[in-house]
Amino acid sequence: MKAVENWVRDIVFYMIFVTMVMNLLPDPKYEKYLRLFAGAVMILLAFGPVLRITGMETAMAGIFEKITFENDVRTLKEELGAADERRIREFYGRYRAAAEADIRSMAEHDGLECESVSVDVAEAGNISYVKLVVRGRQDQTGAGIASVRRKIGAYYGVEEQDIEVDVKRK
């Protein structure tokens, strides 16, 4: 009998509390959301003893834990995917910088005064395009340009038509 009294008392106190909160709402547009939430809690309060007696409370807790776990797994997968994407972008950025430094070194080894180097890295990690800007006169740099194009093409597997070399006059 005491359990029934406690159950009824909980429901009455909850109804009084919800009524008080409804009256204190600053804007009536929030009332429908509060009613939805209050109704869901009321259902749990009303059917709580029945759920406890039939053992459904444990089953509902298990279902809730399963849903929570699945949501956590989905969130973790999304976070790992984003971290992998960042790591791959950083790797390609470092690879691009290393390739640019290497190409600059090749050009300077062939006697070219290198002003800038830019490299496009394809999604598979292959270099797809190289742009090299050197200083000097065309007649002085011709042999060096041909040599560095061959070296870049052979080392990085880039077609010579995808290696652009601009000559700026001194």
N, C-alpha and C. Protein backbone atom coordinates (compact mmCIF):
# COMPACT_ATOMS: atom_id res chain seq x y z
N MET A 1 0.82 -1.19 0.00
CA MET A 1 0.00 0.00 0.00
C MET A 1 0.86 1.25 0.00
N LYS A 2 1.98 1.20 0.72
CA LYS A 2 2.88 2.33 0.80
C LYS A 2 3.44 2.66 -0.59
N ALA A 3 3.70 1.64 -1.38
CA ALA A 3 4.24 1.84 -2.72
C ALA A 3 3.24 2.60 -3.60
N VAL A 4 1.94 2.27 -3.47
CA VAL A 4 0.92 2.96 -4.25
C VAL A 4 0.82 4.42 -3.82
N GLU A 5 0.90 4.67 -2.50
CA GLU A 5 0.86 6.05 -2.00
C GLU A 5 2.05 6.86 -2.53
N ASN A 6 3.22 6.28 -2.51
CA ASN A 6 4.41 6.97 -3.03
C ASN A 6 4.27 7.26 -4.53
N TRP A 7 3.71 6.31 -5.23
CA TRP A 7 3.52 6.46 -6.67
C TRP A 7 2.56 7.61 -6.97
N VAL A 8 1.43 7.65 -6.28
CA VAL A 8 0.45 8.72 -6.47
C VAL A 8 1.05 10.06 -6.05
N ARG A 9 1.78 10.08 -4.92
CA ARG A 9 2.41 11.32 -4.45
C ARG A 9 3.40 11.86 -5.50
N ASP A 10 4.19 10.97 -6.09
CA ASP A 10 5.16 11.39 -7.12
C ASP A 10 4.45 12.02 -8.32
N ILE A 11 3.34 11.41 -8.73
CA ILE A 11 2.60 11.93 -9.87
C ILE A 11 2.00 13.30 -9.54
N VAL A 12 1.42 13.45 -8.35
CA VAL A 12 0.81 14.72 -7.95
C VAL A 12 1.88 15.82 -7.88
N PHE A 13 3.01 15.52 -7.23
CA PHE A 13 4.09 16.52 -7.14
C PHE A 13 4.60 16.90 -8.53
N TYR A 14 4.70 15.93 -9.41
CA TYR A 14 5.17 16.22 -10.76
C TYR A 14 4.19 17.13 -11.50
N MET A 15 2.89 16.84 -11.36
CA MET A 15 1.88 17.66 -12.02
C MET A 15 1.92 19.10 -11.50
N ILE A 16 2.08 19.27 -10.20
CA ILE A 16 2.18 20.61 -9.61
C ILE A 16 3.43 21.32 -10.15
N PHE A 17 4.54 20.60 -10.20
CA PHE A 17 5.79 21.18 -10.68
C PHE A 17 5.65 21.62 -12.14
N VAL A 18 5.07 20.78 -12.99
CA VAL A 18 4.91 21.11 -14.41
C VAL A 18 3.99 22.31 -14.57
N THR A 19 2.91 22.36 -13.80
CA THR A 19 1.99 23.51 -13.86
C THR A 19 2.70 24.79 -13.48
N MET A 20 3.53 24.73 -12.44
CA MET A 20 4.27 25.91 -12.00
C MET A 20 5.25 26.37 -13.09
N VAL A 21 5.95 25.43 -13.69
CA VAL A 21 6.90 25.78 -14.75
C VAL A 21 6.17 26.37 -15.95
N MET A 22 5.01 25.82 -16.30
CA MET A 22 4.23 26.35 -17.43
C MET A 22 3.83 27.80 -17.19
N ASN A 23 3.49 28.10 -15.95
CA ASN A 23 3.08 29.47 -15.62
C ASN A 23 4.25 30.45 -15.60
N LEU A 24 5.46 29.94 -15.42
CA LEU A 24 6.64 30.79 -15.36
C LEU A 24 7.32 30.97 -16.71
N LEU A 25 6.82 30.31 -17.75
CA LEU A 25 7.44 30.43 -19.08
C LEU A 25 7.41 31.87 -19.57
N PRO A 26 8.53 32.38 -20.06
CA PRO A 26 8.56 33.76 -20.53
C PRO A 26 7.83 33.94 -21.86
N ASP A 27 7.81 32.90 -22.66
CA ASP A 27 7.18 33.02 -23.98
C ASP A 27 6.34 31.78 -24.23
N PRO A 28 5.08 31.93 -24.62
CA PRO A 28 4.21 30.76 -24.81
C PRO A 28 4.64 29.85 -25.96
N LYS A 29 5.54 30.31 -26.84
CA LYS A 29 5.95 29.46 -27.96
C LYS A 29 6.74 28.23 -27.49
N TYR A 30 7.29 28.27 -26.28
CA TYR A 30 8.03 27.13 -25.75
C TYR A 30 7.11 26.11 -25.08
N GLU A 31 5.84 26.45 -24.93
CA GLU A 31 4.91 25.60 -24.20
C GLU A 31 4.76 24.22 -24.84
N LYS A 32 4.71 24.17 -26.17
CA LYS A 32 4.50 22.86 -26.83
C LYS A 32 5.69 21.93 -26.59
N TYR A 33 6.91 22.48 -26.54
CA TYR A 33 8.08 21.65 -26.27
C TYR A 33 8.08 21.14 -24.83
N LEU A 34 7.71 22.01 -23.92
CA LEU A 34 7.64 21.62 -22.52
C LEU A 34 6.55 20.57 -22.31
N ARG A 35 5.44 20.73 -22.99
CA ARG A 35 4.35 19.75 -22.87
C ARG A 35 4.80 18.38 -23.40
N LEU A 36 5.54 18.39 -24.50
CA LEU A 36 6.04 17.13 -25.05
C LEU A 36 6.96 16.44 -24.05
N PHE A 37 7.90 17.18 -23.52
CA PHE A 37 8.84 16.61 -22.55
C PHE A 37 8.11 16.17 -21.28
N ALA A 38 7.22 17.02 -20.78
CA ALA A 38 6.48 16.70 -19.55
C ALA A 38 5.60 15.46 -19.76
N GLY A 39 5.03 15.33 -20.95
CA GLY A 39 4.20 14.16 -21.24
C GLY A 39 5.02 12.88 -21.24
N ALA A 40 6.22 12.95 -21.82
CA ALA A 40 7.08 11.77 -21.85
C ALA A 40 7.48 11.35 -20.43
N VAL A 41 7.82 12.33 -19.59
CA VAL A 41 8.18 12.02 -18.20
C VAL A 41 6.97 11.48 -17.45
N MET A 42 5.81 12.04 -17.73
CA MET A 42 4.58 11.59 -17.07
C MET A 42 4.28 10.13 -17.41
N ILE A 43 4.50 9.76 -18.66
CA ILE A 43 4.29 8.37 -19.05
C ILE A 43 5.23 7.45 -18.28
N LEU A 44 6.48 7.86 -18.16
CA LEU A 44 7.44 7.06 -17.40
C LEU A 44 7.03 6.96 -15.92
N LEU A 45 6.56 8.07 -15.36
CA LEU A 45 6.12 8.03 -13.96
C LEU A 45 4.90 7.14 -13.78
N ALA A 46 3.96 7.25 -14.71
CA ALA A 46 2.71 6.50 -14.58
C ALA A 46 2.93 5.00 -14.75
N PHE A 47 3.78 4.63 -15.69
CA PHE A 47 3.97 3.21 -15.97
C PHE A 47 5.20 2.62 -15.27
N GLY A 48 5.91 3.42 -14.48
CA GLY A 48 7.10 2.94 -13.77
C GLY A 48 6.85 1.70 -12.93
N PRO A 49 5.85 1.68 -12.06
CA PRO A 49 5.62 0.48 -11.25
C PRO A 49 5.28 -0.75 -12.08
N VAL A 50 4.51 -0.55 -13.15
CA VAL A 50 4.14 -1.68 -14.01
C VAL A 50 5.39 -2.23 -14.69
N LEU A 51 6.25 -1.31 -15.15
CA LEU A 51 7.48 -1.73 -15.81
C LEU A 51 8.39 -2.48 -14.84
N ARG A 52 8.45 -2.02 -13.59
CA ARG A 52 9.29 -2.69 -12.58
C ARG A 52 8.78 -4.09 -12.29
N ILE A 53 7.48 -4.23 -12.18
CA ILE A 53 6.88 -5.53 -11.85
C ILE A 53 7.09 -6.53 -13.00
N THR A 54 6.91 -6.08 -14.22
CA THR A 54 7.03 -6.99 -15.37
C THR A 54 8.46 -7.20 -15.83
N GLY A 55 9.39 -6.44 -15.28
CA GLY A 55 10.79 -6.57 -15.68
C GLY A 55 11.13 -5.79 -16.93
N MET A 56 10.20 -5.02 -17.43
CA MET A 56 10.42 -4.23 -18.65
C MET A 56 11.38 -3.06 -18.39
N GLU A 57 11.48 -2.65 -17.13
CA GLU A 57 12.37 -1.53 -16.80
C GLU A 57 13.80 -1.90 -17.16
N THR A 58 14.20 -3.12 -16.85
CA THR A 58 15.55 -3.59 -17.17
C THR A 58 15.73 -3.68 -18.69
N ALA A 59 14.70 -4.18 -19.37
CA ALA A 59 14.78 -4.28 -20.83
C ALA A 59 14.88 -2.90 -21.47
N MET A 60 14.12 -1.93 -20.96
CA MET A 60 14.18 -0.57 -21.50
C MET A 60 15.53 0.07 -21.23
N ALA A 61 16.09 -0.21 -20.06
CA ALA A 61 17.42 0.32 -19.75
C ALA A 61 18.46 -0.27 -20.70
N GLY A 62 18.31 -1.56 -21.00
CA GLY A 62 19.22 -2.21 -21.95
C GLY A 62 19.11 -1.62 -23.34
N ILE A 63 17.88 -1.37 -23.76
CA ILE A 63 17.66 -0.76 -25.08
C ILE A 63 18.26 0.64 -25.12
N PHE A 64 18.06 1.41 -24.05
CA PHE A 64 18.62 2.76 -23.97
C PHE A 64 20.14 2.71 -24.04
N GLU A 65 20.75 1.77 -23.31
CA GLU A 65 22.21 1.64 -23.34
C GLU A 65 22.69 1.24 -24.73
N LYS A 66 21.95 0.37 -25.40
CA LYS A 66 22.33 -0.04 -26.76
C LYS A 66 22.28 1.14 -27.71
N ILE A 67 21.22 1.92 -27.64
CA ILE A 67 21.09 3.09 -28.52
C ILE A 67 22.20 4.10 -28.22
N THR A 68 22.47 4.31 -26.94
CA THR A 68 23.53 5.24 -26.56
C THR A 68 24.88 4.76 -27.07
N PHE A 69 25.14 3.46 -26.94
CA PHE A 69 26.40 2.89 -27.41
C PHE A 69 26.54 3.04 -28.93
N GLU A 70 25.47 2.74 -29.67
CA GLU A 70 25.50 2.88 -31.12
C GLU A 70 25.75 4.33 -31.53
N ASN A 71 25.14 5.27 -30.81
CA ASN A 71 25.36 6.68 -31.10
C ASN A 71 26.81 7.07 -30.82
N ASP A 72 27.37 6.56 -29.72
CA ASP A 72 28.77 6.84 -29.40
C ASP A 72 29.71 6.27 -30.47
N VAL A 73 29.40 5.07 -30.95
CA VAL A 73 30.22 4.45 -31.99
C VAL A 73 30.16 5.28 -33.27
N ARG A 74 28.97 5.72 -33.65
CA ARG A 74 28.82 6.54 -34.85
C ARG A 74 29.59 7.85 -34.72
N THR A 75 29.50 8.48 -33.55
CA THR A 75 30.23 9.73 -33.32
C THR A 75 31.73 9.50 -33.39
N LEU A 76 32.19 8.41 -32.80
CA LEU A 76 33.62 8.09 -32.82
C LEU A 76 34.11 7.85 -34.24
N LYS A 77 33.31 7.13 -35.04
CA LYS A 77 33.68 6.89 -36.44
C LYS A 77 33.80 8.20 -37.20
N GLU A 78 32.86 9.12 -36.98
CA GLU A 78 32.92 10.43 -37.65
C GLU A 78 34.17 11.20 -37.23
N GLU A 79 34.48 11.18 -35.94
CA GLU A 79 35.67 11.88 -35.45
C GLU A 79 36.94 11.27 -36.01
N LEU A 80 37.00 9.93 -36.08
CA LEU A 80 38.17 9.26 -36.65
C LEU A 80 38.31 9.57 -38.13
N GLY A 81 37.19 9.62 -38.84
CA GLY A 81 37.24 9.96 -40.26
C GLY A 81 37.77 11.37 -40.47
N ALA A 82 37.31 12.31 -39.65
CA ALA A 82 37.80 13.69 -39.76
C ALA A 82 39.29 13.76 -39.41
N ALA A 83 39.71 13.00 -38.41
CA ALA A 83 41.13 13.00 -38.03
C ALA A 83 41.98 12.40 -39.15
N ASP A 84 41.48 11.33 -39.78
CA ASP A 84 42.21 10.74 -40.91
C ASP A 84 42.34 11.73 -42.06
N GLU A 85 41.27 12.45 -42.37
CA GLU A 85 41.32 13.44 -43.44
C GLU A 85 42.34 14.53 -43.13
N ARG A 86 42.38 15.00 -41.89
CA ARG A 86 43.36 16.01 -41.50
C ARG A 86 44.78 15.46 -41.64
N ARG A 87 44.97 14.24 -41.18
CA ARG A 87 46.30 13.63 -41.25
C ARG A 87 46.75 13.46 -42.69
N ILE A 88 45.85 13.06 -43.57
CA ILE A 88 46.19 12.89 -44.99
C ILE A 88 46.51 14.24 -45.62
N ARG A 89 45.71 15.27 -45.31
CA ARG A 89 46.00 16.61 -45.85
C ARG A 89 47.37 17.10 -45.39
N GLU A 90 47.67 16.89 -44.11
CA GLU A 90 48.98 17.30 -43.59
C GLU A 90 50.10 16.51 -44.27
N PHE A 91 49.89 15.22 -44.49
CA PHE A 91 50.90 14.40 -45.16
C PHE A 91 51.15 14.92 -46.57
N TYR A 92 50.07 15.18 -47.33
CA TYR A 92 50.23 15.70 -48.69
C TYR A 92 50.91 17.06 -48.67
N GLY A 93 50.60 17.88 -47.68
CA GLY A 93 51.25 19.19 -47.58
C GLY A 93 52.74 19.05 -47.34
N ARG A 94 53.12 18.15 -46.45
CA ARG A 94 54.55 17.92 -46.20
C ARG A 94 55.23 17.30 -47.42
N TYR A 95 54.52 16.39 -48.09
CA TYR A 95 55.07 15.78 -49.30
C TYR A 95 55.28 16.83 -50.38
N ARG A 96 54.29 17.72 -50.54
CA ARG A 96 54.40 18.79 -51.53
C ARG A 96 55.60 19.68 -51.22
N ALA A 97 55.76 20.06 -49.95
CA ALA A 97 56.87 20.93 -49.56
C ALA A 97 58.21 20.23 -49.79
N ALA A 98 58.29 18.94 -49.48
CA ALA A 98 59.54 18.20 -49.68
C ALA A 98 59.86 18.07 -51.17
N ALA A 99 58.84 17.82 -51.99
CA ALA A 99 59.05 17.71 -53.43
C ALA A 99 59.49 19.05 -54.01
N GLU A 100 58.87 20.13 -53.55
CA GLU A 100 59.26 21.46 -54.03
C GLU A 100 60.71 21.77 -53.67
N ALA A 101 61.12 21.42 -52.44
CA ALA A 101 62.51 21.65 -52.03
C ALA A 101 63.46 20.78 -52.86
N ASP A 102 63.06 19.55 -53.13
CA ASP A 102 63.88 18.64 -53.91
C ASP A 102 64.03 19.14 -55.35
N ILE A 103 62.95 19.62 -55.93
CA ILE A 103 62.99 20.13 -57.31
C ILE A 103 63.84 21.40 -57.37
N ARG A 104 63.71 22.24 -56.36
CA ARG A 104 64.54 23.45 -56.29
C ARG A 104 66.02 23.05 -56.27
N SER A 105 66.34 22.03 -55.48
CA SER A 105 67.71 21.55 -55.39
C SER A 105 68.19 21.00 -56.74
N MET A 106 67.33 20.26 -57.43
CA MET A 106 67.69 19.74 -58.76
C MET A 106 68.00 20.87 -59.72
N ALA A 107 67.14 21.90 -59.71
CA ALA A 107 67.32 23.04 -60.62
C ALA A 107 68.62 23.77 -60.31
N GLU A 108 68.89 24.01 -59.04
CA GLU A 108 70.12 24.71 -58.66
C GLU A 108 71.34 23.87 -58.97
N HIS A 109 71.23 22.55 -58.87
CA HIS A 109 72.34 21.66 -59.21
C HIS A 109 72.66 21.75 -60.70
N ASP A 110 71.64 22.02 -61.51
CA ASP A 110 71.85 22.16 -62.96
C ASP A 110 72.19 23.59 -63.35
N GLY A 111 72.49 24.43 -62.37
CA GLY A 111 72.95 25.79 -62.65
C GLY A 111 71.84 26.80 -62.87
N LEU A 112 70.63 26.48 -62.49
CA LEU A 112 69.51 27.42 -62.66
C LEU A 112 69.29 28.18 -61.35
N GLU A 113 69.01 29.46 -61.47
CA GLU A 113 68.67 30.27 -60.29
C GLU A 113 67.15 30.19 -60.13
N CYS A 114 66.73 29.42 -59.16
CA CYS A 114 65.31 29.10 -58.98
C CYS A 114 64.63 30.18 -58.14
N GLU A 115 63.58 30.77 -58.71
CA GLU A 115 62.82 31.79 -57.98
C GLU A 115 61.66 31.17 -57.20
N SER A 116 60.95 30.25 -57.84
CA SER A 116 59.85 29.59 -57.13
C SER A 116 59.56 28.23 -57.76
N VAL A 117 58.99 27.37 -56.94
CA VAL A 117 58.59 26.03 -57.38
C VAL A 117 57.21 25.77 -56.79
N SER A 118 56.30 25.27 -57.61
CA SER A 118 55.01 24.82 -57.08
C SER A 118 54.68 23.47 -57.69
N VAL A 119 54.11 22.63 -56.86
CA VAL A 119 53.82 21.25 -57.24
C VAL A 119 52.36 20.96 -56.93
N ASP A 120 51.68 20.31 -57.86
CA ASP A 120 50.33 19.81 -57.61
C ASP A 120 50.41 18.32 -57.35
N VAL A 121 49.85 17.91 -56.21
CA VAL A 121 49.85 16.49 -55.85
C VAL A 121 48.45 15.95 -56.08
N ALA A 122 48.36 14.89 -56.88
CA ALA A 122 47.06 14.26 -57.15
C ALA A 122 46.60 13.52 -55.90
N GLU A 123 45.34 13.11 -55.91
CA GLU A 123 44.76 12.44 -54.73
C GLU A 123 45.48 11.15 -54.39
N ALA A 124 46.04 10.48 -55.38
CA ALA A 124 46.73 9.22 -55.13
C ALA A 124 48.14 9.45 -54.58
N GLY A 125 48.55 10.70 -54.47
CA GLY A 125 49.87 11.01 -53.93
C GLY A 125 50.93 11.20 -55.01
N ASN A 126 50.53 11.10 -56.27
CA ASN A 126 51.47 11.31 -57.36
C ASN A 126 51.51 12.79 -57.72
N ILE A 127 52.66 13.24 -58.16
CA ILE A 127 52.78 14.63 -58.60
C ILE A 127 52.21 14.70 -60.00
N SER A 128 51.27 15.62 -60.21
CA SER A 128 50.60 15.71 -61.50
C SER A 128 51.08 16.91 -62.32
N TYR A 129 51.65 17.92 -61.67
CA TYR A 129 52.05 19.13 -62.39
C TYR A 129 53.14 19.84 -61.60
N VAL A 130 54.10 20.37 -62.32
CA VAL A 130 55.19 21.12 -61.70
C VAL A 130 55.35 22.44 -62.44
N LYS A 131 55.45 23.51 -61.67
CA LYS A 131 55.74 24.82 -62.26
C LYS A 131 56.99 25.34 -61.59
N LEU A 132 57.94 25.71 -62.42
CA LEU A 132 59.25 26.16 -61.96
C LEU A 132 59.51 27.53 -62.59
N VAL A 133 59.88 28.50 -61.78
CA VAL A 133 60.23 29.83 -62.28
C VAL A 133 61.70 30.05 -61.98
N VAL A 134 62.47 30.29 -63.05
CA VAL A 134 63.91 30.51 -62.90
C VAL A 134 64.28 31.89 -63.44
N ARG A 135 65.42 32.40 -62.98
CA ARG A 135 65.93 33.69 -63.44
C ARG A 135 67.09 33.45 -64.41
N GLY A 136 67.18 34.29 -65.37
CA GLY A 136 68.28 34.21 -66.32
C GLY A 136 67.79 34.50 -67.72
N ARG A 137 68.70 34.33 -68.67
CA ARG A 137 68.34 34.53 -70.08
C ARG A 137 68.07 33.17 -70.69
N GLN A 138 67.17 33.13 -71.66
CA GLN A 138 66.78 31.88 -72.30
C GLN A 138 67.98 31.16 -72.90
N ASP A 139 68.90 31.91 -73.51
CA ASP A 139 70.05 31.27 -74.14
C ASP A 139 70.99 30.67 -73.11
N GLN A 140 71.01 31.22 -71.89
CA GLN A 140 71.88 30.70 -70.83
C GLN A 140 71.24 29.49 -70.13
N THR A 141 69.93 29.46 -70.04
CA THR A 141 69.25 28.46 -69.22
C THR A 141 68.68 27.29 -70.01
N GLY A 142 68.74 27.29 -71.32
CA GLY A 142 68.11 26.25 -72.15
C GLY A 142 68.54 24.85 -71.82
N ALA A 143 69.85 24.62 -71.73
CA ALA A 143 70.34 23.26 -71.44
C ALA A 143 69.97 22.84 -70.02
N GLY A 144 70.05 23.78 -69.08
CA GLY A 144 69.68 23.46 -67.70
C GLY A 144 68.21 23.12 -67.56
N ILE A 145 67.37 23.83 -68.32
CA ILE A 145 65.92 23.57 -68.27
C ILE A 145 65.62 22.17 -68.81
N ALA A 146 66.23 21.83 -69.94
CA ALA A 146 66.00 20.50 -70.52
C ALA A 146 66.46 19.41 -69.55
N SER A 147 67.61 19.63 -68.91
CA SER A 147 68.15 18.64 -67.97
C SER A 147 67.24 18.47 -66.75
N VAL A 148 66.80 19.59 -66.19
CA VAL A 148 65.96 19.50 -64.99
C VAL A 148 64.59 18.91 -65.33
N ARG A 149 64.07 19.17 -66.51
CA ARG A 149 62.80 18.56 -66.92
C ARG A 149 62.94 17.04 -66.99
N ARG A 150 64.02 16.57 -67.58
CA ARG A 150 64.25 15.13 -67.67
C ARG A 150 64.37 14.51 -66.28
N LYS A 151 65.13 15.18 -65.41
CA LYS A 151 65.32 14.65 -64.05
C LYS A 151 63.99 14.59 -63.28
N ILE A 152 63.21 15.67 -63.35
CA ILE A 152 61.92 15.69 -62.65
C ILE A 152 61.00 14.60 -63.20
N GLY A 153 60.95 14.51 -64.53
CA GLY A 153 60.11 13.49 -65.16
C GLY A 153 60.51 12.09 -64.76
N ALA A 154 61.81 11.83 -64.74
CA ALA A 154 62.28 10.48 -64.41
C ALA A 154 62.07 10.18 -62.93
N TYR A 155 62.36 11.14 -62.07
CA TYR A 155 62.31 10.88 -60.63
C TYR A 155 60.87 10.82 -60.11
N TYR A 156 60.02 11.75 -60.55
CA TYR A 156 58.66 11.83 -60.03
C TYR A 156 57.61 11.21 -60.96
N GLY A 157 58.02 10.77 -62.15
CA GLY A 157 57.06 10.15 -63.06
C GLY A 157 56.08 11.15 -63.65
N VAL A 158 56.55 12.37 -63.86
CA VAL A 158 55.69 13.42 -64.42
C VAL A 158 56.02 13.55 -65.91
N GLU A 159 55.00 13.62 -66.73
CA GLU A 159 55.20 13.83 -68.16
C GLU A 159 55.83 15.21 -68.38
N GLU A 160 56.71 15.31 -69.38
CA GLU A 160 57.42 16.58 -69.59
C GLU A 160 56.47 17.72 -69.96
N GLN A 161 55.34 17.41 -70.60
CA GLN A 161 54.38 18.48 -70.92
C GLN A 161 53.69 19.02 -69.66
N ASP A 162 53.77 18.28 -68.54
CA ASP A 162 53.19 18.73 -67.28
C ASP A 162 54.22 19.42 -66.39
N ILE A 163 55.39 19.69 -66.96
CA ILE A 163 56.43 20.43 -66.23
C ILE A 163 56.60 21.76 -66.93
N GLU A 164 56.16 22.82 -66.28
CA GLU A 164 56.23 24.16 -66.87
C GLU A 164 57.42 24.90 -66.25
N VAL A 165 58.24 25.46 -67.13
CA VAL A 165 59.38 26.22 -66.65
C VAL A 165 59.29 27.60 -67.29
N ASP A 166 59.14 28.61 -66.44
CA ASP A 166 59.12 30.00 -66.89
C ASP A 166 60.47 30.62 -66.60
N VAL A 167 60.96 31.41 -67.54
CA VAL A 167 62.23 32.08 -67.37
C VAL A 167 61.96 33.58 -67.21
N LYS A 168 62.43 34.12 -66.13
CA LYS A 168 62.33 35.58 -65.89
C LYS A 168 63.70 36.19 -66.18
N ARG A 169 63.68 37.28 -66.84
CA ARG A 169 64.96 37.95 -67.15
C ARG A 169 65.53 38.57 -65.90
N LYS A 170 66.83 38.54 -65.84
CA LYS A 170 67.54 39.13 -64.69
C LYS A 170 67.51 40.63 -64.78
